């Protein structure tokens, strides 16, 4: 059994594939759902278009050129940077709770990948 799962995300017409530890896929799905729920409450301009979590898979082979698999930690790092930049501008809505959730998953992934490297 694989210790990785793959998420299919869709941003407008663009598809994204993210590789995650299977133990953390649920957290990515829940975080994505929460971020979408809170986006409308933000008052800053330039709110990022977040992808929607469409599906998860046990195995994935990308056949069509032009699509690539994103490492889960890289995806979460970019997400954290995006929301940290928004926090600098946002005056009405407290982004602290969203950033805390993003950073918690980020820390868990960092630990997971460190442990995987030690086992390899």
Protein backbone atom coordinates (compact mmCIF):
# COMPACT_ATOMS: atom_id res chain seq x y z
CA UNK A 1 0.00 0.00 0.00
CA UNK A 2 1.31 3.41 -0.97
CA UNK A 3 1.91 6.03 1.66
CA UNK A 4 1.05 8.77 -0.86
CA UNK A 5 -2.20 10.03 -2.32
CA UNK A 6 -2.83 12.46 -5.11
CA UNK A 7 -5.24 15.36 -5.20
CA UNK A 8 -6.89 16.75 -8.29
CA UNK A 9 -7.54 20.47 -7.93
CA UNK A 10 -9.21 22.77 -10.42
CA UNK A 11 -8.62 26.52 -10.73
CA UNK A 12 -10.93 27.92 -13.41
CA UNK A 13 -10.15 25.65 -16.39
CA UNK A 14 -6.70 24.65 -15.11
CA UNK A 15 -6.11 21.29 -13.44
CA UNK A 16 -3.48 20.81 -10.75
CA UNK A 17 -2.16 17.58 -9.26
CA UNK A 18 -0.71 17.53 -5.74
CA UNK A 19 1.08 14.62 -4.08
CA UNK A 20 0.44 14.30 -0.35
CA UNK A 21 1.16 11.76 2.35
CA UNK A 22 -1.98 9.62 2.57
CA UNK A 23 -2.18 10.45 6.29
CA UNK A 24 -2.52 14.17 5.48
CA UNK A 25 -4.80 14.20 2.43
CA UNK A 26 -7.91 14.76 4.53
CA UNK A 27 -6.28 17.86 6.03
CA UNK A 28 -5.58 19.28 2.59
CA UNK A 29 -9.20 18.71 1.57
CA UNK A 30 -10.52 20.29 4.78
CA UNK A 31 -8.14 23.25 4.51
CA UNK A 32 -9.16 23.87 0.92
CA UNK A 33 -12.82 23.82 1.89
CA UNK A 34 -12.26 26.21 4.81
CA UNK A 35 -10.25 28.66 2.70
CA UNK A 36 -13.01 28.79 0.10
CA UNK A 37 -15.56 29.39 2.84
CA UNK A 38 -13.57 32.34 4.19
CA UNK A 39 -12.44 33.99 0.92
CA UNK A 40 -15.61 36.06 0.59
CA UNK A 41 -14.93 37.65 3.97
CA UNK A 42 -11.62 39.17 2.87
CA UNK A 43 -11.65 42.88 2.06
CA UNK A 44 -8.32 43.27 0.25
CA UNK A 45 -8.04 43.55 -3.50
CA UNK A 46 -6.23 40.86 -5.42
CA UNK A 47 -7.62 37.90 -3.53
CA UNK A 48 -6.07 34.80 -5.10
CA UNK A 49 -8.18 32.40 -7.13
CA UNK A 50 -7.87 29.20 -5.15
CA UNK A 51 -8.36 25.86 -6.81
CA UNK A 52 -11.22 23.62 -5.74
CA UNK A 53 -10.43 20.17 -4.40
CA UNK A 54 -12.09 17.84 -6.92
CA UNK A 55 -10.86 14.32 -6.14
CA UNK A 56 -8.17 12.21 -4.54
CA UNK A 57 -6.49 9.11 -5.92
CA UNK A 58 -4.39 6.24 -4.57
CA UNK A 59 -2.24 6.15 -7.70
CA UNK A 60 -1.60 8.61 -10.49
CA UNK A 61 0.10 8.54 -13.85
CA UNK A 62 -0.05 11.81 -15.76
CA UNK A 63 -0.22 11.07 -19.48
CA UNK A 64 -0.98 14.40 -21.10
CA UNK A 65 1.98 16.76 -21.57
CA UNK A 66 1.75 20.12 -19.84
CA UNK A 67 0.61 18.78 -16.48
CA UNK A 68 2.98 18.17 -13.64
CA UNK A 69 2.77 16.75 -10.18
CA UNK A 70 3.31 19.23 -7.36
CA UNK A 71 5.00 18.16 -4.16
CA UNK A 72 2.56 18.65 -1.28
CA UNK A 73 4.96 20.70 0.82
CA UNK A 74 5.74 22.99 -2.13
CA UNK A 75 2.01 23.54 -2.66
CA UNK A 76 1.44 24.36 1.03
CA UNK A 77 4.50 26.65 1.11
CA UNK A 78 3.11 28.67 -1.81
CA UNK A 79 -0.30 28.81 -0.14
CA UNK A 80 1.28 30.08 3.08
CA UNK A 81 3.23 32.76 1.20
CA UNK A 82 0.07 33.89 -0.59
CA UNK A 83 -1.94 34.28 2.61
CA UNK A 84 0.98 35.79 4.54
CA UNK A 85 1.20 38.49 1.85
CA UNK A 86 -2.54 39.12 2.15
CA UNK A 87 -2.20 39.51 5.91
CA UNK A 88 0.01 42.55 5.31
CA UNK A 89 -2.87 44.28 3.49
CA UNK A 90 -5.98 42.93 5.18
CA UNK A 91 -7.37 45.35 7.76
CA UNK A 92 -10.86 43.96 8.45
CA UNK A 93 -10.72 40.18 8.50
CA UNK A 94 -8.26 38.45 10.84
CA UNK A 95 -6.27 36.04 8.71
CA UNK A 96 -4.45 34.67 11.74
CA UNK A 97 -6.69 31.61 12.08
CA UNK A 98 -6.36 30.73 8.39
CA UNK A 99 -2.60 31.17 8.48
CA UNK A 100 -2.45 29.08 11.65
CA UNK A 101 -4.24 26.22 9.89
CA UNK A 102 -2.00 26.49 6.84
CA UNK A 103 1.14 26.63 8.99
CA UNK A 104 0.03 23.68 11.12
CA UNK A 105 -0.30 21.50 8.02
CA UNK A 106 2.99 22.92 6.73
CA UNK A 107 4.79 21.91 9.95
CA UNK A 108 3.24 18.43 9.90
CA UNK A 109 4.34 17.91 6.30
CA UNK A 110 7.85 19.10 7.05
CA UNK A 111 8.08 16.58 9.88
CA UNK A 112 6.60 13.80 7.75
CA UNK A 113 9.08 14.37 4.91
CA UNK A 114 12.00 14.57 7.37
CA UNK A 115 10.99 11.23 8.86
CA UNK A 116 10.65 9.72 5.38
CA UNK A 117 14.16 10.88 4.48
CA UNK A 118 15.56 9.35 7.66
CA UNK A 119 13.93 6.00 6.81
CA UNK A 120 15.25 6.03 3.24
